[in-house]
Amino acid sequence: MADADFSAARRSPHPHPSAAPGYGKISAPDQAPRRRDDFAHLRAREASIAAFVDRLPDGAAMDAKTLAAHLAAYGQAACLTALRRLSEAGHLRRVTERIKGDSGSRHWVTRTYFSRTARDDDWWAAFLAEGAPSSLVGEPPAPRPPRPVRSRAYLLPRMTLSAAECQALEGLVAQWLDLGAGDEDVVRALTAGLPVEVHSAGALARRRLTDKMPPERAPEPAPRRPLRILECTLCRVPGRPEALPGGLCRDCRGEAPAARRPDPAAVRARADGIRRLVQAAARGAALPS
């Protein structure tokens, strides 16, 4: 099992080093809880290394050289091969992304996203573009809390009002809340500067809620999408997700480029030229120099 392999894989007694700030391992979102058979579908070596990586903290160095220095029986080449196979199995992707630093400036960093739960290429592509949409996570959305028997809009106007008056004013207060006003805004509008004697609290509250209605809120700007560029897990060549299936480029997948087919028209023209030369030689004509 992967857990047993993990305990035997440690070599160095020293803590695993962290990558430069902003780099290193990043845990992918929405992973299933850890289980003993998380990596049972992998070969023994890859399962052992995956179990080791799974327990590393975010920010830990994830290059093959560092992994080899902290794993028993596996050298740098073996760790590099394991990273390739973990990428093909959907457990990791290497991504260059633009982040905002402490000083407010933006700069590029390279991170290795690791997912205990294997993901397919479509999930990783959606994560790069949007950040793990819930429709691809496979988990139902959290249930909404039940609506209280009496809404905030009903409970707020409490200027010695009757239950019937509160109910009549509920719609106006709800408009305030929908426009972004807080509870304190509504209370302030209803109670600030009240006269010494209020003859009709319901009428006064309705007048104030109507006359002081806040303006429509400007639409909130859409959140900025994360700027991420996928890289080949092995050689780090950048590319679009569809060009890097399994997180690997064509060369690292071992796929040779397709042979270039000659132009049929050019082939026919060359053949015709050769035939004319042969016919001219048969007639004893001088061949062109």
Protein backbone atom coordinates (compact mmCIF):
# COMPACT_ATOMS: atom_id res chain seq x y z
CA MET A 1 0.00 0.00 0.00
CA ALA A 2 1.06 3.57 -0.52
CA ASP A 3 1.20 4.29 3.23
CA ALA A 4 3.70 1.52 3.85
CA ASP A 5 5.82 2.65 0.93
CA PHE A 6 5.77 6.21 2.23
CA SER A 7 7.25 5.30 5.60
CA ALA A 8 10.02 3.33 3.91
CA ALA A 9 10.77 6.01 1.36
CA ARG A 10 12.25 8.61 3.71
CA ARG A 11 15.99 8.93 3.45
CA SER A 12 17.13 12.27 4.80
CA PRO A 13 16.59 13.04 8.50
CA HIS A 14 16.51 16.75 7.66
CA PRO A 15 13.23 18.60 7.04
CA HIS A 16 12.12 18.78 3.43
CA PRO A 17 13.23 22.17 2.04
CA SER A 18 10.83 24.85 0.93
CA ALA A 19 10.96 26.36 -2.53
CA ALA A 20 11.51 30.07 -3.09
CA PRO A 21 8.59 32.18 -1.83
CA GLY A 22 5.61 31.74 -4.15
CA TYR A 23 6.98 28.57 -5.77
CA GLY A 24 6.79 24.86 -4.95
CA LYS A 25 3.89 22.57 -4.21
CA ILE A 26 0.33 23.90 -4.09
CA SER A 27 -2.52 21.60 -3.07
CA ALA A 28 -5.31 21.54 -5.65
CA PRO A 29 -8.76 22.45 -4.29
CA ASP A 30 -11.69 20.17 -3.52
CA GLN A 31 -9.79 16.95 -2.93
CA ALA A 32 -11.39 13.90 -1.37
CA PRO A 33 -10.32 12.99 2.20
CA ARG A 34 -7.09 11.01 2.46
CA ARG A 35 -7.46 7.22 2.26
CA ARG A 36 -5.01 4.32 2.34
CA ASP A 37 -5.78 3.34 -1.26
CA ASP A 38 -5.51 6.83 -2.81
CA PHE A 39 -2.67 5.74 -5.11
CA ALA A 40 -3.41 2.02 -5.47
CA HIS A 41 -3.91 2.52 -9.23
CA LEU A 42 -0.26 3.56 -9.64
CA ARG A 43 2.89 1.49 -9.86
CA ALA A 44 4.68 0.89 -6.57
CA ARG A 45 7.33 3.55 -7.15
CA GLU A 46 4.87 6.22 -8.27
CA ALA A 47 2.50 5.34 -5.41
CA SER A 48 5.31 5.71 -2.88
CA ILE A 49 6.43 9.08 -4.27
CA ALA A 50 2.82 10.31 -4.57
CA ALA A 51 2.15 9.41 -0.92
CA PHE A 52 5.30 11.28 0.08
CA VAL A 53 4.37 14.38 -1.97
CA ASP A 54 0.80 14.30 -0.66
CA ARG A 55 2.07 14.88 2.87
CA LEU A 56 4.44 17.70 1.97
CA PRO A 57 3.23 21.16 3.02
CA ASP A 58 2.36 23.76 0.45
CA GLY A 59 5.45 25.61 -0.68
CA ALA A 60 7.71 22.54 -0.46
CA ALA A 61 10.25 22.08 -3.26
CA MET A 62 8.95 19.69 -5.89
CA ASP A 63 11.86 19.25 -8.32
CA ALA A 64 13.23 15.77 -9.00
CA LYS A 65 16.61 16.55 -7.45
CA THR A 66 15.10 17.59 -4.11
CA LEU A 67 12.72 14.64 -4.05
CA ALA A 68 15.56 12.22 -4.74
CA ALA A 69 17.52 13.65 -1.80
CA HIS A 70 14.68 12.76 0.58
CA LEU A 71 13.51 9.40 -0.79
CA ALA A 72 15.18 6.04 -0.30
CA ALA A 73 16.02 3.85 -3.31
CA TYR A 74 14.96 6.45 -5.88
CA GLY A 75 17.45 8.57 -7.75
CA GLN A 76 16.88 11.78 -9.66
CA ALA A 77 16.04 10.03 -12.94
CA ALA A 78 13.52 7.78 -11.19
CA CYS A 79 11.87 10.78 -9.52
CA LEU A 80 11.68 12.60 -12.86
CA THR A 81 9.98 9.58 -14.43
CA ALA A 82 7.60 9.36 -11.46
CA LEU A 83 6.63 13.01 -11.86
CA ARG A 84 5.87 12.37 -15.53
CA ARG A 85 3.64 9.40 -14.68
CA LEU A 86 1.88 11.29 -11.89
CA SER A 87 1.18 14.04 -14.40
CA GLU A 88 -0.19 11.54 -16.92
CA ALA A 89 -2.39 10.02 -14.20
CA GLY A 90 -3.89 13.45 -13.44
CA HIS A 91 -2.32 14.05 -10.04
CA LEU A 92 -0.20 17.10 -10.85
CA ARG A 93 0.32 19.97 -13.26
CA ARG A 94 3.14 22.48 -13.45
CA VAL A 95 1.80 26.01 -13.90
CA THR A 96 3.32 29.45 -14.32
CA GLU A 97 1.04 32.11 -12.92
CA ARG A 98 1.10 35.79 -12.19
CA ILE A 99 0.62 36.71 -8.53
CA LYS A 100 0.53 39.89 -6.50
CA GLY A 101 3.41 40.31 -4.09
CA ASP A 102 3.41 41.88 -0.63
CA SER A 103 4.49 45.23 -2.10
CA GLY A 104 1.58 45.21 -4.56
CA SER A 105 3.72 44.47 -7.61
CA ARG A 106 2.90 41.47 -9.78
CA HIS A 107 5.41 38.85 -10.83
CA TRP A 108 5.51 35.36 -12.33
CA VAL A 109 6.05 32.21 -10.29
CA THR A 110 6.08 28.51 -11.15
CA ARG A 111 3.99 26.21 -9.02
CA THR A 112 3.34 22.48 -9.06
CA TYR A 113 -0.32 21.79 -8.29
CA PHE A 114 -0.79 18.39 -6.69
CA SER A 115 -4.12 16.62 -6.33
CA ARG A 116 -4.56 13.51 -4.24
CA THR A 117 -7.72 12.98 -6.28
CA ALA A 118 -6.79 12.24 -9.89
CA ARG A 119 -8.25 14.77 -12.36
CA ASP A 120 -8.75 14.54 -16.10
CA ASP A 121 -7.51 17.07 -18.65
CA ASP A 122 -10.86 18.86 -18.76
CA TRP A 123 -10.80 19.50 -15.00
CA TRP A 124 -7.28 20.90 -15.11
CA ALA A 125 -8.12 23.10 -18.12
CA ALA A 126 -11.16 24.51 -16.30
CA PHE A 127 -9.09 25.05 -13.16
CA LEU A 128 -6.47 27.00 -15.10
CA ALA A 129 -9.14 29.23 -16.60
CA GLU A 130 -11.55 29.65 -13.71
CA GLY A 131 -10.21 28.02 -10.54
CA ALA A 132 -11.99 24.68 -10.09
CA PRO A 133 -15.66 25.20 -10.98
CA SER A 134 -18.02 23.34 -8.66
CA SER A 135 -19.67 21.60 -11.63
CA LEU A 136 -16.43 19.68 -12.20
CA VAL A 137 -15.69 18.94 -8.58
CA GLY A 138 -18.48 16.39 -8.28
CA GLU A 139 -19.71 17.63 -4.94
CA PRO A 140 -23.21 19.04 -4.31
CA PRO A 141 -23.39 22.68 -3.28
CA ALA A 142 -23.76 23.40 0.41
CA PRO A 143 -27.42 23.68 1.42
CA ARG A 144 -28.68 27.17 2.12
CA PRO A 145 -29.61 27.93 5.72
CA PRO A 146 -33.37 27.88 6.30
CA ARG A 147 -35.05 31.25 6.10
CA PRO A 148 -36.09 32.56 9.51
CA VAL A 149 -39.74 32.65 10.32
CA ARG A 150 -39.50 36.43 10.52
CA SER A 151 -37.08 38.10 8.14
CA ARG A 152 -34.68 40.89 9.06
CA ALA A 153 -36.89 43.23 7.08
CA TYR A 154 -39.75 42.43 9.44
CA LEU A 155 -37.76 42.70 12.65
CA LEU A 156 -35.89 45.95 11.98
CA PRO A 157 -38.59 48.67 12.12
CA ARG A 158 -39.28 48.59 15.87
CA MET A 159 -40.50 52.14 16.64
CA THR A 160 -43.25 50.87 18.96
CA LEU A 161 -44.99 49.51 15.92
CA SER A 162 -47.74 46.95 15.90
CA ALA A 163 -47.28 43.56 14.26
CA ALA A 164 -49.52 44.68 11.41
CA GLU A 165 -47.43 47.83 10.86
CA CYS A 166 -44.18 45.83 10.84
CA GLN A 167 -45.66 43.48 8.29
CA ALA A 168 -46.80 46.40 6.14
CA LEU A 169 -43.31 47.95 6.22
CA GLU A 170 -41.48 44.68 5.55
CA GLY A 171 -41.44 45.22 1.79
CA LEU A 172 -39.85 48.68 2.05
CA VAL A 173 -37.15 47.47 4.44
CA ALA A 174 -36.45 44.52 2.13
CA GLN A 175 -35.79 47.01 -0.69
CA TRP A 176 -33.25 48.78 1.51
CA LEU A 177 -31.47 45.51 2.26
CA ASP A 178 -31.51 44.50 -1.41
CA LEU A 179 -29.83 47.81 -2.27
CA GLY A 180 -26.96 47.00 0.06
CA ALA A 181 -28.03 48.85 3.20
CA GLY A 182 -27.11 47.31 6.52
CA ASP A 183 -29.27 46.89 9.58
CA GLU A 184 -27.74 49.96 11.18
CA ASP A 185 -28.58 52.05 8.09
CA VAL A 186 -32.25 51.16 8.34
CA VAL A 187 -32.40 51.79 12.11
CA ARG A 188 -30.64 55.13 11.69
CA ALA A 189 -33.09 56.23 8.97
CA LEU A 190 -36.04 55.32 11.16
CA THR A 191 -34.89 56.74 14.49
CA ALA A 192 -32.48 59.63 13.86
CA GLY A 193 -33.89 63.02 14.85
CA LEU A 194 -37.31 61.81 15.91
CA PRO A 195 -39.68 64.49 17.19
CA VAL A 196 -40.53 64.54 20.88
CA GLU A 197 -43.95 63.10 20.24
CA VAL A 198 -44.79 60.67 17.43
CA HIS A 199 -48.52 60.42 16.73
CA SER A 200 -48.39 57.80 13.96
CA ALA A 201 -45.26 55.70 14.10
CA GLY A 202 -46.31 53.56 11.15
CA ALA A 203 -46.92 56.52 8.84
CA LEU A 204 -43.67 58.21 9.92
CA ALA A 205 -41.67 55.03 9.34
CA ARG A 206 -43.20 54.55 5.88
CA ARG A 207 -42.45 58.17 4.95
CA ARG A 208 -38.82 57.91 6.10
CA LEU A 209 -38.23 54.58 4.42
CA THR A 210 -39.67 55.94 1.16
CA ASP A 211 -37.96 59.36 1.15
CA LYS A 212 -34.52 58.09 2.28
CA MET A 213 -34.41 55.02 0.05
CA PRO A 214 -30.72 54.51 -0.95
CA PRO A 215 -29.80 54.67 -4.64
CA GLU A 216 -29.24 51.66 -6.83
CA ARG A 217 -25.81 50.15 -6.27
CA ALA A 218 -23.34 50.18 -9.11
CA PRO A 219 -22.70 46.65 -10.36
CA GLU A 220 -19.66 45.08 -8.76
CA PRO A 221 -16.78 44.47 -11.15
CA ALA A 222 -16.37 40.89 -12.24
CA PRO A 223 -13.56 39.13 -10.39
CA ARG A 224 -10.33 38.91 -12.33
CA ARG A 225 -9.59 35.49 -13.69
CA PRO A 226 -6.32 34.00 -12.54
CA LEU A 227 -3.61 34.36 -15.16
CA ARG A 228 -2.12 30.90 -15.45
CA ILE A 229 -0.05 29.22 -18.16
CA LEU A 230 0.35 25.45 -18.23
CA GLU A 231 3.88 24.07 -18.59
CA CYS A 232 5.12 20.63 -19.53
CA THR A 233 5.82 18.76 -16.29
CA LEU A 234 9.25 17.63 -17.52
CA CYS A 235 10.77 20.22 -19.87
CA ARG A 236 8.63 23.23 -18.79
CA VAL A 237 7.77 24.28 -22.34
CA PRO A 238 4.56 26.39 -22.12
CA GLY A 239 1.46 25.51 -24.04
CA ARG A 240 -2.33 25.46 -24.09
CA PRO A 241 -3.99 22.65 -22.10
CA GLU A 242 -5.14 20.87 -25.26
CA ALA A 243 -1.54 20.83 -26.51
CA LEU A 244 -0.29 19.26 -23.26
CA PRO A 245 -2.48 16.20 -22.56
CA GLY A 246 -1.45 14.62 -19.33
CA GLY A 247 0.56 17.77 -18.62
CA LEU A 248 3.23 16.71 -21.14
CA CYS A 249 4.38 18.17 -24.45
CA ARG A 250 4.63 16.06 -27.62
CA ASP A 251 8.36 15.43 -27.26
CA CYS A 252 8.08 14.36 -23.61
CA ARG A 253 5.19 12.06 -24.52
CA GLY A 254 7.58 10.42 -27.01
CA GLU A 255 5.50 11.27 -30.05
CA ALA A 256 7.58 11.96 -33.18
CA PRO A 257 6.28 14.71 -35.47
CA ALA A 258 4.28 13.43 -38.42
CA ALA A 259 6.32 13.03 -41.61
CA ARG A 260 5.76 15.86 -44.04
CA ARG A 261 3.91 14.71 -47.12
CA PRO A 262 5.18 16.02 -50.48
CA ASP A 263 2.90 18.15 -52.62
CA PRO A 264 1.20 15.82 -55.17
CA ALA A 265 1.35 18.47 -57.90
CA ALA A 266 5.07 18.92 -57.37
CA VAL A 267 5.60 15.13 -57.53
CA ARG A 268 3.71 14.93 -60.84
CA ALA A 269 5.64 17.83 -62.31
CA ARG A 270 8.96 16.28 -61.36
CA ALA A 271 7.92 12.91 -62.82
CA ASP A 272 6.84 14.54 -66.07
CA GLY A 273 10.18 16.30 -66.29
CA ILE A 274 12.07 13.04 -65.80
CA ARG A 275 9.98 11.34 -68.51
CA ARG A 276 10.74 14.12 -71.00
CA LEU A 277 14.44 13.78 -70.32
CA VAL A 278 14.29 10.02 -70.86
CA GLN A 279 12.37 10.45 -74.15
CA ALA A 280 14.79 13.08 -75.38
CA ALA A 281 17.74 10.79 -74.60
CA ALA A 282 16.06 7.96 -76.52
CA ARG A 283 15.76 10.18 -79.63
CA GLY A 284 19.39 11.15 -79.35
CA ALA A 285 18.58 14.75 -78.60
CA ALA A 286 20.99 16.73 -76.53
CA LEU A 287 20.08 16.80 -72.88
CA PRO A 288 19.73 20.23 -71.26
CA SER A 289 22.74 21.18 -69.19
